Amino acid sequence: VLAGRLAPGWQAAFDEGVSAAFALADGPMTLDEALERCAELLADRAESLVRLLRAMPGA
């Protein structure tokens, strides 16, 4: 799951079959800033996840 933020208790998603969750925000920011940077933040986080998957043995 890629989400704007991970709220307290987000780990309950594991019970619903979610394997991992990642916040898009790369640090503290206002909602307005997060919305303005949404495309950039999503692209950055997606790239990081792809790099992580490629670095795994057998990838």
C-alpha atoms as a PDB file:
ATOM      1  CA  VAL A   1       0.000   0.000   0.000  1.00  0.00           C
ATOM      2  CA  LEU A   2       1.209   3.495  -0.837  1.00  0.00           C
ATOM      3  CA  ALA A   3      -0.603   6.090   1.251  1.00  0.00           C
ATOM      4  CA  GLY A   4      -0.267   9.783   1.875  1.00  0.00           C
ATOM      5  CA  ARG A   5       0.503   8.982   5.499  1.00  0.00           C
ATOM      6  CA  LEU A   6       0.294   6.048   7.874  1.00  0.00           C
ATOM      7  CA  ALA A   7      -2.090   6.897  10.692  1.00  0.00           C
ATOM      8  CA  PRO A   8      -1.827   5.361  14.151  1.00  0.00           C
ATOM      9  CA  GLY A   9      -3.034   1.770  14.054  1.00  0.00           C
ATOM     10  CA  TRP A  10      -2.210   1.273  10.373  1.00  0.00           C
ATOM     11  CA  GLN A  11      -0.678  -2.118  11.225  1.00  0.00           C
ATOM     12  CA  ALA A  12      -4.218  -3.505  11.512  1.00  0.00           C
ATOM     13  CA  ALA A  13      -4.130  -3.639   7.703  1.00  0.00           C
ATOM     14  CA  PHE A  14      -1.850  -6.669   8.018  1.00  0.00           C
ATOM     15  CA  ASP A  15      -4.866  -8.610   9.316  1.00  0.00           C
ATOM     16  CA  GLU A  16      -6.646  -7.777   6.048  1.00  0.00           C
ATOM     17  CA  GLY A  17      -3.883  -9.217   3.872  1.00  0.00           C
ATOM     18  CA  VAL A  18      -1.712  -6.146   3.371  1.00  0.00           C
ATOM     19  CA  SER A  19       1.962  -7.164   3.250  1.00  0.00           C
ATOM     20  CA  ALA A  20       3.552  -3.722   3.518  1.00  0.00           C
ATOM     21  CA  ALA A  21       2.626  -0.053   3.679  1.00  0.00           C
ATOM     22  CA  PHE A  22       4.607   3.048   2.820  1.00  0.00           C
ATOM     23  CA  ALA A  23       3.889   6.737   3.334  1.00  0.00           C
ATOM     24  CA  LEU A  24       4.348   9.079   0.391  1.00  0.00           C
ATOM     25  CA  ALA A  25       5.441  12.028   2.513  1.00  0.00           C
ATOM     26  CA  ASP A  26       9.204  12.307   2.854  1.00  0.00           C
ATOM     27  CA  GLY A  27       8.956  14.398   6.003  1.00  0.00           C
ATOM     28  CA  PRO A  28       6.637  16.741   7.855  1.00  0.00           C
ATOM     29  CA  MET A  29       4.514  18.859   5.524  1.00  0.00           C
ATOM     30  CA  THR A  30       1.178  20.559   5.355  1.00  0.00           C
ATOM     31  CA  LEU A  31      -1.721  18.978   3.525  1.00  0.00           C
ATOM     32  CA  ASP A  32      -1.468  21.715   0.896  1.00  0.00           C
ATOM     33  CA  GLU A  33       2.207  20.908   0.308  1.00  0.00           C
ATOM     34  CA  ALA A  34       1.488  17.182   0.124  1.00  0.00           C
ATOM     35  CA  LEU A  35      -1.270  17.743  -2.418  1.00  0.00           C
ATOM     36  CA  GLU A  36       0.934  20.069  -4.457  1.00  0.00           C
ATOM     37  CA  ARG A  37       3.795  17.534  -4.480  1.00  0.00           C
ATOM     38  CA  CYS A  38       1.643  14.404  -4.815  1.00  0.00           C
ATOM     39  CA  ALA A  39       2.926  13.331  -8.249  1.00  0.00           C
ATOM     40  CA  GLU A  40       6.557  13.889  -7.226  1.00  0.00           C
ATOM     41  CA  LEU A  41       6.148  12.048  -3.916  1.00  0.00           C
ATOM     42  CA  LEU A  42       4.379   9.112  -5.565  1.00  0.00           C
ATOM     43  CA  ALA A  43       7.052   8.817  -8.256  1.00  0.00           C
ATOM     44  CA  ASP A  44       9.859   8.959  -5.674  1.00  0.00           C
ATOM     45  CA  ARG A  45       8.292   6.323  -3.445  1.00  0.00           C
ATOM     46  CA  ALA A  46       7.469   4.042  -6.387  1.00  0.00           C
ATOM     47  CA  GLU A  47      11.055   4.292  -7.635  1.00  0.00           C
ATOM     48  CA  SER A  48      12.379   3.412  -4.181  1.00  0.00           C
ATOM     49  CA  LEU A  49      10.105   0.372  -3.998  1.00  0.00           C
ATOM     50  CA  VAL A  50      11.141  -0.843  -7.452  1.00  0.00           C
ATOM     51  CA  ARG A  51      14.802  -0.463  -6.478  1.00  0.00           C
ATOM     52  CA  LEU A  52      14.149  -2.443  -3.293  1.00  0.00           C
ATOM     53  CA  LEU A  53      12.442  -5.242  -5.209  1.00  0.00           C
ATOM     54  CA  ARG A  54      15.248  -5.391  -7.780  1.00  0.00           C
ATOM     55  CA  ALA A  55      17.841  -5.622  -4.996  1.00  0.00           C
ATOM     56  CA  MET A  56      16.188  -8.701  -3.509  1.00  0.00           C
ATOM     57  CA  PRO A  57      17.821 -12.069  -4.170  1.00  0.00           C
ATOM     58  CA  GLY A  58      16.323 -13.756  -7.213  1.00  0.00           C
ATOM     59  CA  ALA A  59      14.937 -10.531  -8.641  1.00  0.00           C
END
